[in-house]
N, C-alpha and C. Protein backbone atom coordinates (compact mmCIF):
# COMPACT_ATOMS: atom_id res chain seq x y z
N MET A 1 150.79 148.03 1.07
CA MET A 1 150.05 148.90 2.62
C MET A 1 151.83 148.91 3.30
N ILE A 2 152.43 149.85 2.89
CA ILE A 2 153.65 150.84 3.06
C ILE A 2 153.70 151.22 3.86
N LEU A 3 154.53 151.79 5.23
CA LEU A 3 154.30 152.84 5.91
C LEU A 3 155.09 153.94 5.87
N PHE A 4 153.68 154.77 5.96
CA PHE A 4 153.73 156.50 6.03
C PHE A 4 153.83 156.99 6.98
N PRO A 5 154.62 157.81 7.97
CA PRO A 5 154.58 158.18 8.77
C PRO A 5 153.79 159.79 8.86
N VAL A 6 152.27 158.99 8.80
CA VAL A 6 151.01 159.80 8.90
C VAL A 6 151.20 160.61 10.55
N LEU A 7 151.62 159.64 11.20
CA LEU A 7 151.41 159.76 12.86
C LEU A 7 152.62 159.87 13.80
N VAL A 8 152.69 160.84 14.67
CA VAL A 8 154.07 160.81 15.60
C VAL A 8 153.53 160.84 16.72
N CYS A 9 153.53 159.49 17.27
CA CYS A 9 152.93 159.74 19.47
C CYS A 9 153.96 160.07 19.83
N ALA A 10 153.29 161.45 20.73
CA ALA A 10 154.13 162.11 21.78
C ALA A 10 155.04 161.18 22.66
N GLN A 11 154.63 160.39 23.05
CA GLN A 11 155.04 159.14 24.18
C GLN A 11 156.32 158.69 23.38
N GLU A 12 155.91 158.03 21.94
CA GLU A 12 157.03 157.48 21.63
C GLU A 12 158.00 158.03 20.33
N LYS A 13 157.86 159.05 20.56
CA LYS A 13 158.62 159.75 19.02
C LYS A 13 158.79 159.38 17.93
N LYS A 14 157.74 158.16 17.49
CA LYS A 14 158.15 157.42 16.82
C LYS A 14 156.62 157.19 15.75
N ALA A 15 156.52 157.21 14.16
CA ALA A 15 155.52 156.56 13.58
C ALA A 15 154.84 155.56 13.73
N PRO A 16 153.43 155.22 14.11
CA PRO A 16 152.58 153.98 14.93
C PRO A 16 152.73 153.37 13.25
N PRO A 17 152.73 152.06 13.51
CA PRO A 17 152.49 150.97 12.72
C PRO A 17 151.89 151.34 11.49
N ALA A 18 151.60 151.69 10.65
CA ALA A 18 150.58 152.02 9.23
C ALA A 18 150.70 151.39 8.15
N SER A 19 149.72 151.69 7.08
CA SER A 19 150.01 151.14 5.67
C SER A 19 149.33 152.28 4.82
N ALA A 20 149.02 152.20 3.76
CA ALA A 20 148.94 152.81 2.83
C ALA A 20 147.35 152.32 2.36
N ASP A 21 146.62 151.77 2.90
CA ASP A 21 145.30 151.16 2.07
C ASP A 21 144.58 151.89 3.14
N THR A 22 143.31 152.86 2.03
CA THR A 22 142.33 153.45 2.65
C THR A 22 141.40 153.16 2.03
N LYS A 23 140.89 151.74 1.79
CA LYS A 23 139.67 151.18 0.90
C LYS A 23 138.65 151.48 2.00
N ALA A 24 137.30 151.65 1.98
CA ALA A 24 136.52 151.19 2.65
C ALA A 24 136.38 149.99 3.86
N PRO A 25 135.70 150.58 5.35
CA PRO A 25 136.44 148.96 6.31
C PRO A 25 134.88 148.26 5.90
N GLU A 26 135.10 147.29 6.27
CA GLU A 26 134.53 145.76 6.36
C GLU A 26 134.09 145.61 7.52
N THR A 27 132.80 145.52 7.80
CA THR A 27 131.82 145.51 9.42
C THR A 27 131.79 144.02 10.22
N LYS A 28 131.83 143.40 8.70
CA LYS A 28 131.32 142.01 8.76
C LYS A 28 132.21 141.35 8.91
N ALA A 29 131.77 140.13 9.76
CA ALA A 29 132.63 138.94 9.81
C ALA A 29 132.33 137.44 10.36
N ALA A 30 132.71 136.66 10.06
CA ALA A 30 131.97 135.45 10.89
C ALA A 30 132.58 135.47 11.99
N PRO A 31 131.93 134.54 12.78
CA PRO A 31 132.06 134.23 14.27
C PRO A 31 133.13 133.93 14.73
N ALA A 32 134.23 134.56 14.92
CA ALA A 32 135.77 133.90 15.31
C ALA A 32 135.43 133.09 16.77
N LYS A 33 136.39 131.99 16.44
CA LYS A 33 136.76 130.90 17.54
C LYS A 33 137.78 131.48 18.01
N ALA A 34 137.99 131.77 19.61
CA ALA A 34 139.48 131.67 20.15
C ALA A 34 140.48 130.34 19.53
N ALA A 35 141.44 131.10 19.38
CA ALA A 35 142.32 130.28 18.73
C ALA A 35 144.23 130.39 18.94
N LYS A 36 144.56 129.50 18.88
CA LYS A 36 146.11 129.80 18.81
C LYS A 36 146.78 129.49 17.52
N VAL A 37 147.79 130.56 17.18
CA VAL A 37 148.64 130.78 15.82
C VAL A 37 150.00 130.06 16.17
N LEU A 38 150.75 129.68 15.32
CA LEU A 38 151.83 129.26 15.38
C LEU A 38 152.38 130.18 14.56
N PHE A 39 153.84 131.16 14.75
CA PHE A 39 154.29 131.60 13.75
C PHE A 39 155.74 131.17 13.57
N LYS A 40 156.18 130.50 12.27
CA LYS A 40 157.31 129.86 11.75
C LYS A 40 158.27 130.71 11.17
N THR A 41 159.21 131.17 11.62
CA THR A 41 159.97 132.38 11.22
C THR A 41 161.28 132.19 10.71
N SER A 42 162.12 132.49 9.75
CA SER A 42 164.03 132.09 10.10
C SER A 42 164.27 132.06 11.03
N LEU A 43 164.30 133.30 12.19
CA LEU A 43 164.96 133.09 13.09
C LEU A 43 164.36 132.22 14.39
N GLY A 44 163.08 131.37 13.93
CA GLY A 44 162.55 130.40 15.24
C GLY A 44 161.36 130.89 15.52
N GLU A 45 160.29 130.03 16.43
CA GLU A 45 158.90 130.02 16.17
C GLU A 45 158.68 130.27 17.26
N PHE A 46 157.11 131.23 17.49
CA PHE A 46 156.49 131.45 18.41
C PHE A 46 154.88 131.42 18.23
N VAL A 47 154.47 131.68 19.55
CA VAL A 47 152.98 131.46 19.44
C VAL A 47 152.20 132.72 19.94
N VAL A 48 150.76 132.67 19.14
CA VAL A 48 150.34 133.72 19.80
C VAL A 48 148.59 133.37 20.24
N ASP A 49 148.13 133.87 21.18
CA ASP A 49 146.51 133.59 21.70
C ASP A 49 146.19 134.67 21.20
N LEU A 50 145.06 134.26 20.17
CA LEU A 50 144.55 135.32 19.71
C LEU A 50 142.93 135.37 20.90
N ASN A 51 142.72 136.82 20.89
CA ASN A 51 141.28 137.22 22.05
C ASN A 51 139.81 137.26 20.94
N ALA A 52 139.51 136.56 20.56
CA ALA A 52 138.12 136.63 19.64
C ALA A 52 136.79 137.40 20.14
N GLU A 53 136.85 137.27 21.69
CA GLU A 53 136.34 137.36 22.54
C GLU A 53 136.11 139.18 22.65
N LYS A 54 137.51 140.00 22.78
CA LYS A 54 137.64 141.24 22.83
C LYS A 54 137.89 141.89 21.32
N ALA A 55 138.35 140.96 20.54
CA ALA A 55 138.38 141.13 19.14
C ALA A 55 138.19 140.64 17.49
N PRO A 56 136.55 140.50 18.08
CA PRO A 56 136.14 139.25 17.19
C PRO A 56 136.23 139.88 15.65
N VAL A 57 136.07 141.02 15.53
CA VAL A 57 136.69 141.43 14.04
C VAL A 57 137.56 140.68 13.43
N THR A 58 138.66 142.02 14.19
CA THR A 58 139.98 141.46 13.84
C THR A 58 140.43 140.61 13.76
N VAL A 59 140.17 139.62 14.76
CA VAL A 59 140.41 138.01 14.73
C VAL A 59 139.93 137.24 13.42
N ALA A 60 139.02 137.23 13.49
CA ALA A 60 138.61 136.29 12.11
C ALA A 60 139.25 136.93 10.68
N ASN A 61 139.16 138.45 10.47
CA ASN A 61 140.10 138.77 9.34
C ASN A 61 141.48 138.16 9.18
N PHE A 62 142.14 138.42 10.41
CA PHE A 62 143.21 137.31 10.74
C PHE A 62 143.41 136.21 10.52
N LEU A 63 142.63 135.53 10.92
CA LEU A 63 142.82 134.48 10.48
C LEU A 63 142.06 133.76 8.97
N GLY A 64 141.47 134.92 8.18
CA GLY A 64 140.92 134.63 6.92
C GLY A 64 142.67 134.89 6.21
N TYR A 65 143.23 135.91 6.37
CA TYR A 65 144.63 135.63 5.69
C TYR A 65 145.41 134.33 6.08
N VAL A 66 145.18 134.15 7.17
CA VAL A 66 145.88 132.72 7.57
C VAL A 66 145.54 131.68 6.71
N LYS A 67 144.02 131.29 6.68
CA LYS A 67 143.71 130.02 5.92
C LYS A 67 144.05 130.47 4.23
N LYS A 68 143.98 131.50 4.27
CA LYS A 68 144.62 131.83 2.28
C LYS A 68 146.31 131.76 2.72
N LYS A 69 146.71 131.40 3.43
CA LYS A 69 148.34 131.13 3.59
C LYS A 69 148.45 132.74 3.01
N HIS A 70 148.19 133.67 3.38
CA HIS A 70 148.42 134.85 2.76
C HIS A 70 149.96 135.49 3.49
N TYR A 71 150.36 135.01 4.55
CA TYR A 71 151.58 136.04 5.73
C TYR A 71 152.77 134.81 5.05
N ASP A 72 152.24 133.28 4.47
CA ASP A 72 153.41 132.17 4.21
C ASP A 72 154.67 133.08 3.00
N GLY A 73 155.57 133.11 3.63
CA GLY A 73 156.69 133.80 2.35
C GLY A 73 157.22 135.28 2.97
N THR A 74 155.97 136.30 3.66
CA THR A 74 156.20 137.30 4.05
C THR A 74 157.27 138.07 4.99
N VAL A 75 157.48 138.81 5.11
CA VAL A 75 158.88 139.42 6.23
C VAL A 75 158.16 140.36 6.76
N PHE A 76 159.22 140.19 7.84
CA PHE A 76 159.26 141.74 8.84
C PHE A 76 159.82 142.79 8.31
N HIS A 77 158.98 143.76 7.56
CA HIS A 77 159.72 144.29 6.55
C HIS A 77 160.05 145.70 7.44
N ARG A 78 159.22 146.03 9.15
CA ARG A 78 160.03 147.15 9.39
C ARG A 78 160.51 146.70 11.41
N VAL A 79 161.32 146.92 11.75
CA VAL A 79 161.96 146.26 12.72
C VAL A 79 162.31 147.54 13.80
N ILE A 80 161.84 147.88 14.78
CA ILE A 80 162.34 148.90 15.50
C ILE A 80 162.12 148.83 17.31
N ASN A 81 163.50 148.77 17.59
CA ASN A 81 163.57 147.69 18.88
C ASN A 81 163.40 148.67 20.05
N GLY A 82 162.51 148.68 20.68
CA GLY A 82 161.86 149.39 21.81
C GLY A 82 160.77 149.84 21.23
N PHE A 83 160.18 149.42 20.26
CA PHE A 83 158.88 149.51 20.16
C PHE A 83 157.81 148.64 19.41
N MET A 84 158.66 148.18 17.91
CA MET A 84 158.04 146.86 17.59
C MET A 84 158.30 146.14 16.36
N ILE A 85 157.67 145.31 16.05
CA ILE A 85 158.04 144.64 14.57
C ILE A 85 156.99 144.46 13.63
N GLN A 86 157.24 144.97 12.75
CA GLN A 86 155.69 144.23 11.79
C GLN A 86 156.28 143.53 10.51
N GLY A 87 155.21 143.00 10.15
CA GLY A 87 154.96 142.07 9.21
C GLY A 87 153.85 141.89 8.24
N GLY A 88 153.63 141.18 7.55
CA GLY A 88 152.10 140.29 7.03
C GLY A 88 152.11 141.14 5.55
N GLY A 89 152.81 142.14 5.26
CA GLY A 89 152.63 142.55 3.73
C GLY A 89 153.53 142.86 2.80
N PHE A 90 154.82 142.11 3.13
CA PHE A 90 155.53 142.11 1.74
C PHE A 90 156.55 140.41 1.57
N ALA A 91 156.82 140.28 0.64
CA ALA A 91 157.17 139.09 0.15
C ALA A 91 158.28 139.24 -1.02
N LEU A 92 159.05 138.24 -1.12
CA LEU A 92 160.40 138.56 -1.95
C LEU A 92 159.93 137.90 -3.08
N GLU A 93 159.76 139.42 -4.53
CA GLU A 93 159.87 138.69 -5.53
C GLU A 93 161.38 139.40 -6.52
N GLY A 94 161.34 138.40 -6.76
CA GLY A 94 162.55 138.66 -8.04
C GLY A 94 163.87 139.48 -7.35
N GLY A 95 163.96 139.26 -6.07
CA GLY A 95 164.62 139.79 -5.34
C GLY A 95 164.71 140.68 -4.43
N LYS A 96 163.37 141.28 -4.65
CA LYS A 96 163.04 142.47 -4.23
C LYS A 96 161.74 142.19 -3.56
N LEU A 97 161.74 143.20 -2.00
CA LEU A 97 160.45 143.36 -1.21
C LEU A 97 159.61 144.19 -1.86
N GLU A 98 158.32 142.95 -2.37
CA GLU A 98 157.34 143.78 -2.84
C GLU A 98 155.65 143.67 -2.38
N GLU A 99 155.06 144.65 -2.01
CA GLU A 99 153.73 144.37 -1.16
C GLU A 99 152.95 143.48 -2.19
N LYS A 100 151.60 142.80 -1.36
CA LYS A 100 151.00 141.55 -1.31
C LYS A 100 149.66 142.67 -1.98
N PHE A 101 148.99 141.53 -2.39
CA PHE A 101 147.33 142.21 -2.34
C PHE A 101 146.77 142.05 -1.37
N SER A 102 145.71 142.71 -0.76
CA SER A 102 145.35 142.47 0.56
C SER A 102 144.03 143.16 0.58
N GLY A 103 142.89 142.52 1.11
CA GLY A 103 141.25 142.69 1.06
C GLY A 103 140.90 144.07 1.87
N LYS A 104 139.57 144.53 1.76
CA LYS A 104 139.89 145.77 2.05
C LYS A 104 139.42 146.11 3.39
N GLY A 105 140.20 147.28 3.99
CA GLY A 105 140.09 147.48 5.79
C GLY A 105 138.61 147.37 6.54
N ILE A 106 139.13 147.38 7.62
CA ILE A 106 138.08 146.55 8.40
C ILE A 106 137.74 147.34 9.72
N ALA A 107 136.11 147.49 10.64
CA ALA A 107 136.77 148.56 11.42
C ALA A 107 137.24 148.03 12.46
N ASN A 108 137.88 149.39 13.04
CA ASN A 108 138.68 149.19 13.96
C ASN A 108 138.02 148.46 14.99
N GLU A 109 138.73 147.92 16.13
CA GLU A 109 138.59 147.89 17.45
C GLU A 109 139.48 148.26 18.52
N GLY A 110 140.16 148.95 18.34
CA GLY A 110 141.16 149.64 19.14
C GLY A 110 140.73 150.09 20.90
N LYS A 111 139.43 150.23 20.56
CA LYS A 111 138.89 150.60 22.15
C LYS A 111 138.23 149.05 22.77
N ASN A 112 138.74 147.83 22.73
CA ASN A 112 138.26 147.09 23.17
C ASN A 112 138.62 146.93 24.33
N GLY A 113 139.66 147.62 25.43
CA GLY A 113 139.97 147.52 26.31
C GLY A 113 141.81 146.62 26.06
N LEU A 114 142.04 146.34 25.26
CA LEU A 114 143.49 145.73 25.18
C LEU A 114 144.17 146.46 24.89
N LYS A 115 145.60 146.78 25.56
CA LYS A 115 146.57 147.74 25.40
C LYS A 115 147.90 147.17 24.61
N ASN A 116 148.63 148.10 24.43
CA ASN A 116 149.59 147.76 23.24
C ASN A 116 150.88 147.75 24.09
N ASP A 117 150.62 146.60 25.55
CA ASP A 117 151.74 146.21 25.88
C ASP A 117 153.12 144.91 25.46
N ARG A 118 153.95 145.33 26.03
CA ARG A 118 154.79 144.62 25.30
C ARG A 118 154.45 142.95 24.67
N GLY A 119 154.65 142.24 24.02
CA GLY A 119 154.24 140.73 23.83
C GLY A 119 152.76 140.89 22.89
N THR A 120 152.16 141.98 22.80
CA THR A 120 150.63 142.19 22.26
C THR A 120 150.94 142.01 20.65
N ILE A 121 149.69 141.34 19.97
CA ILE A 121 150.12 141.52 18.27
C ILE A 121 148.70 142.56 18.20
N ALA A 122 148.58 143.39 17.49
CA ALA A 122 147.88 144.44 16.49
C ALA A 122 148.29 144.95 15.21
N MET A 123 147.25 144.95 15.02
CA MET A 123 146.77 145.83 13.61
C MET A 123 147.58 146.88 13.00
N ALA A 124 148.33 147.14 11.88
CA ALA A 124 148.99 148.19 11.60
C ALA A 124 148.05 148.56 10.50
N ARG A 125 148.09 150.19 10.15
CA ARG A 125 146.57 151.15 9.62
C ARG A 125 147.41 152.32 9.02
N THR A 126 146.99 153.30 8.82
CA THR A 126 147.09 154.55 8.14
C THR A 126 146.94 155.28 9.46
N ALA A 127 146.46 156.68 8.75
CA ALA A 127 145.62 157.61 10.52
C ALA A 127 144.18 157.03 10.11
N ASP A 128 143.55 156.61 8.86
CA ASP A 128 142.22 156.12 9.14
C ASP A 128 142.09 154.80 9.61
N PRO A 129 141.35 155.14 11.07
CA PRO A 129 141.49 153.91 12.23
C PRO A 129 140.84 152.95 11.52
N ASN A 130 139.96 152.59 10.43
CA ASN A 130 138.97 151.73 9.62
C ASN A 130 140.26 151.19 8.53
N SER A 131 141.46 151.14 8.61
CA SER A 131 142.11 150.94 7.31
C SER A 131 143.08 149.79 7.29
N ALA A 132 142.99 149.29 8.65
CA ALA A 132 143.75 147.90 8.81
C ALA A 132 143.23 146.45 7.41
N THR A 133 144.22 146.27 7.18
CA THR A 133 143.97 145.08 6.71
C THR A 133 144.56 143.96 6.79
N ALA A 134 146.16 143.39 6.08
CA ALA A 134 146.73 142.26 6.66
C ALA A 134 147.68 142.63 7.60
N GLN A 135 148.21 143.77 7.33
CA GLN A 135 149.31 144.04 8.53
C GLN A 135 149.10 143.84 9.69
N PHE A 136 150.26 143.49 10.37
CA PHE A 136 150.19 143.46 11.53
C PHE A 136 151.18 144.04 12.28
N PHE A 137 151.21 144.03 13.62
CA PHE A 137 152.37 144.35 14.62
C PHE A 137 152.70 143.23 15.82
N ILE A 138 153.81 143.46 16.22
CA ILE A 138 153.48 143.22 17.50
C ILE A 138 154.79 144.34 18.11
N ASN A 139 154.10 144.35 19.63
CA ASN A 139 154.81 145.27 20.70
C ASN A 139 155.95 144.88 21.16
N VAL A 140 157.04 145.44 21.29
CA VAL A 140 158.27 144.86 21.60
C VAL A 140 158.73 145.68 22.98
N ALA A 141 157.67 146.57 23.12
CA ALA A 141 157.87 147.58 24.68
C ALA A 141 155.83 147.79 25.11
N ASP A 142 155.89 148.54 25.78
CA ASP A 142 154.81 149.17 26.12
C ASP A 142 154.47 150.14 25.90
N ASN A 143 153.71 150.39 24.91
CA ASN A 143 153.43 151.41 23.70
C ASN A 143 152.14 152.38 24.27
N ALA A 144 151.66 152.91 25.41
CA ALA A 144 150.76 153.40 25.33
C ALA A 144 150.43 154.33 24.61
N ALA A 145 150.86 155.14 23.63
CA ALA A 145 150.72 155.90 23.08
C ALA A 145 149.79 155.88 21.69
N LEU A 146 150.10 154.42 21.56
CA LEU A 146 149.17 153.60 20.76
C LEU A 146 147.85 153.28 21.19
N ASN A 147 147.27 153.19 22.17
CA ASN A 147 145.84 153.11 22.76
C ASN A 147 144.96 154.16 22.44
N PHE A 148 143.81 153.73 22.66
CA PHE A 148 142.67 154.16 22.80
C PHE A 148 142.79 155.14 23.53
N PRO A 149 142.46 156.67 23.68
CA PRO A 149 141.69 157.28 22.75
C PRO A 149 142.54 157.45 21.77
N ASN A 150 143.72 157.54 21.52
CA ASN A 150 144.34 157.92 20.84
C ASN A 150 144.35 157.81 18.96
N ASN A 151 143.61 158.76 18.53
CA ASN A 151 143.30 158.53 17.00
C ASN A 151 142.71 157.08 16.62
N GLY A 152 141.54 156.96 17.64
CA GLY A 152 141.14 155.66 17.62
C GLY A 152 141.70 154.46 18.18
N GLY A 153 142.80 154.61 18.42
CA GLY A 153 143.90 153.30 19.15
C GLY A 153 144.24 152.86 18.23
N TYR A 154 145.07 151.61 18.77
CA TYR A 154 145.28 150.45 17.56
C TYR A 154 144.94 149.31 18.22
N ALA A 155 144.15 148.35 17.12
CA ALA A 155 143.29 147.17 17.59
C ALA A 155 144.67 145.81 18.56
N VAL A 156 144.52 146.43 19.66
CA VAL A 156 145.22 144.43 20.01
C VAL A 156 144.27 143.06 19.80
N PHE A 157 144.77 142.16 19.36
CA PHE A 157 143.89 141.28 18.84
C PHE A 157 144.22 140.00 19.71
N GLY A 158 145.61 139.80 20.58
CA GLY A 158 145.97 139.14 20.78
C GLY A 158 147.63 138.87 21.73
N LYS A 159 148.06 137.99 22.16
CA LYS A 159 149.51 137.97 22.79
C LYS A 159 150.26 136.74 22.57
N VAL A 160 151.50 137.11 23.24
CA VAL A 160 152.44 136.15 22.51
C VAL A 160 152.91 135.62 23.92
N THR A 161 152.12 134.16 23.56
CA THR A 161 152.50 133.31 24.46
C THR A 161 153.18 132.14 25.20
N SER A 162 154.14 132.15 23.48
CA SER A 162 155.03 131.25 24.00
C SER A 162 156.07 131.62 22.79
N GLY A 163 157.89 131.63 23.02
CA GLY A 163 158.43 132.05 21.74
C GLY A 163 158.48 133.74 21.78
N LEU A 164 158.35 134.17 23.24
CA LEU A 164 158.65 135.66 23.17
C LEU A 164 160.27 136.10 23.03
N ASP A 165 160.89 135.00 23.15
CA ASP A 165 162.75 134.88 23.09
C ASP A 165 163.18 135.38 21.67
N VAL A 166 161.84 134.42 20.66
CA VAL A 166 161.94 134.81 19.21
C VAL A 166 162.05 136.34 18.97
N VAL A 167 160.75 136.53 19.29
CA VAL A 167 160.58 138.08 18.64
C VAL A 167 161.66 138.77 19.56
N ASP A 168 162.65 139.31 20.85
CA ASP A 168 163.58 139.93 21.35
C ASP A 168 164.84 139.14 19.87
N LYS A 169 164.99 138.37 19.34
CA LYS A 169 165.72 138.19 18.26
C LYS A 169 165.60 138.93 17.26
N ILE A 170 163.83 139.22 16.36
CA ILE A 170 163.80 140.06 15.77
C ILE A 170 163.94 141.53 16.09
N LYS A 171 163.74 141.58 16.81
CA LYS A 171 163.55 142.89 17.47
C LYS A 171 165.20 143.99 17.26
N ALA A 172 165.55 142.48 17.64
CA ALA A 172 167.29 143.12 17.37
C ALA A 172 168.44 142.88 16.21
N VAL A 173 167.80 142.57 15.23
CA VAL A 173 168.22 142.52 13.92
C VAL A 173 168.50 144.04 13.44
N ALA A 174 169.72 143.71 12.97
CA ALA A 174 170.48 145.27 12.02
C ALA A 174 169.21 145.46 10.57
N THR A 175 169.14 146.81 10.99
CA THR A 175 167.99 147.39 9.85
C THR A 175 169.05 149.07 8.99
N GLY A 176 167.86 149.14 8.07
CA GLY A 176 168.81 150.07 7.24
C GLY A 176 167.39 150.57 6.40
N GLN A 177 168.11 151.80 5.16
CA GLN A 177 166.88 152.32 4.52
C GLN A 177 166.91 151.15 2.67
N GLN A 178 165.83 150.79 2.39
CA GLN A 178 165.90 149.85 1.33
C GLN A 178 164.74 149.96 0.64
N GLU A 179 164.60 150.24 -1.01
CA GLU A 179 163.63 150.48 -1.59
C GLU A 179 162.53 149.22 -1.82
N LEU A 180 161.55 149.59 -0.99
CA LEU A 180 160.02 148.86 -1.01
C LEU A 180 159.11 148.86 -2.58
N THR A 181 158.60 147.95 -2.89
CA THR A 181 157.89 148.35 -4.32
C THR A 181 156.16 147.78 -3.49
N MET A 182 155.64 148.98 -3.51
CA MET A 182 154.34 148.93 -2.86
C MET A 182 153.40 149.12 -4.08
N ARG A 183 151.78 149.52 -3.72
CA ARG A 183 150.97 149.21 -4.79
C ARG A 183 150.13 150.38 -4.01
N HIS A 184 149.59 151.46 -5.10
CA HIS A 184 149.26 152.51 -4.67
C HIS A 184 147.72 152.22 -4.89
N PRO A 185 147.37 152.71 -3.35
CA PRO A 185 146.42 152.53 -2.09
C PRO A 185 144.77 152.35 -3.16
N THR A 186 144.58 153.19 -4.57
CA THR A 186 143.89 153.40 -4.88
C THR A 186 143.74 152.58 -6.52
N THR A 187 144.76 153.00 -7.43
CA THR A 187 144.83 152.33 -8.73
C THR A 187 145.29 150.78 -8.78
N GLY A 188 146.08 150.36 -7.78
CA GLY A 188 146.87 149.27 -7.81
C GLY A 188 148.28 149.12 -8.34
N GLU A 189 148.79 150.55 -8.97
CA GLU A 189 149.62 150.52 -9.51
C GLU A 189 151.54 150.27 -8.72
N LYS A 190 151.76 149.95 -9.40
CA LYS A 190 152.98 149.51 -8.63
C LYS A 190 154.14 150.64 -8.49
N MET A 191 154.89 150.96 -7.15
CA MET A 191 155.62 152.16 -7.25
C MET A 191 156.70 152.02 -6.15
N THR A 192 157.64 152.24 -6.39
CA THR A 192 159.05 151.67 -5.87
C THR A 192 159.53 152.97 -4.90
N LEU A 193 159.46 152.52 -3.72
CA LEU A 193 159.74 153.80 -2.72
C LEU A 193 160.87 153.48 -1.07
N PRO A 194 161.97 154.25 -1.34
CA PRO A 194 162.64 153.97 0.10
C PRO A 194 161.74 154.31 1.51
N SER A 195 162.32 152.77 2.54
CA SER A 195 162.13 153.19 3.46
C SER A 195 162.77 152.20 4.46
N GLY A 196 162.33 153.23 5.75
CA GLY A 196 163.43 152.51 6.75
C GLY A 196 163.33 152.05 7.49
N ASP A 197 164.01 151.41 8.83
CA ASP A 197 164.22 150.17 9.61
C ASP A 197 163.87 148.89 8.73
N VAL A 198 164.13 148.75 7.54
CA VAL A 198 163.90 147.08 6.93
C VAL A 198 164.89 146.48 7.59
N PRO A 199 164.81 145.12 7.50
CA PRO A 199 166.23 144.53 7.90
C PRO A 199 167.04 144.51 7.40
N VAL A 200 168.23 144.89 7.23
CA VAL A 200 169.51 143.96 6.47
C VAL A 200 169.49 142.35 5.87
N GLU A 201 168.86 141.69 6.89
CA GLU A 201 168.66 140.50 5.75
C GLU A 201 167.62 139.89 6.29
N ASN A 202 166.73 139.29 5.44
CA ASN A 202 165.09 139.55 5.77
C ASN A 202 164.72 138.37 6.59
N VAL A 203 163.99 138.58 7.40
CA VAL A 203 163.12 138.19 8.46
C VAL A 203 162.14 137.44 8.07
N VAL A 204 162.23 136.14 7.95
CA VAL A 204 160.95 135.50 7.14
C VAL A 204 160.28 134.68 7.45
N ILE A 205 158.81 135.08 7.39
CA ILE A 205 157.30 134.33 8.25
C ILE A 205 157.51 133.16 7.07
N GLN A 206 158.09 132.10 7.67
CA GLN A 206 158.05 130.41 6.82
C GLN A 206 156.73 130.54 6.56
N ALA A 207 155.92 130.16 7.74
CA ALA A 207 154.07 129.93 7.57
C ALA A 207 154.03 130.47 9.21
N VAL A 208 152.24 130.69 8.69
CA VAL A 208 151.53 130.77 10.04
C VAL A 208 150.37 130.17 10.05
N THR A 209 150.39 128.87 11.02
CA THR A 209 149.35 128.14 11.21
C THR A 209 148.12 127.86 12.74
N VAL A 210 147.21 127.63 12.37
CA VAL A 210 146.40 127.30 13.50
C VAL A 210 146.79 126.04 14.16
N GLU A 211 146.79 126.31 15.90
CA GLU A 211 147.32 125.52 16.52
C GLU A 211 146.62 124.51 16.79
């Protein structure tokens, strides 16, 4: 689920958080209860309140990955100060960042009324609104160009309620171009391609747990 600049927001002049997964969406999800999740990272901890009322499919999907410990050991692989920090897709393998396997895309809840404002968490995806799987991003600014109805909107499903200073530390790290190993969205074949906005020093998500 590597980032491809499939869209350019007129307001932000940046490609939205995206991934390469274009599998058919999963529309069914077990009812998700309100939950808080704790992110333990190499730069500190922060807490996110998930909004299961407004984004039940997205929250259930996210908690499924948390339960499987999918996020443990992944990194924030795309960081753009003034825009967002993105993670949940790549982990360090043999000294290089490699994409992890993820499930099918889910139904987009981008029109749930939640806005991509500073401190909110939303799902990364391709130009296909129903392609989000595991990757997420945290807005570090108010990103109105990512809201519905723009290309279906990017589904917000929670907000950082504690530790926003840690998010601000992450958004300020030095970044550059680096080769990332991803998987072809249909064949699963590994591909190594250069990607921009990658932290020079890995910002590791050590664990994500339900509070």
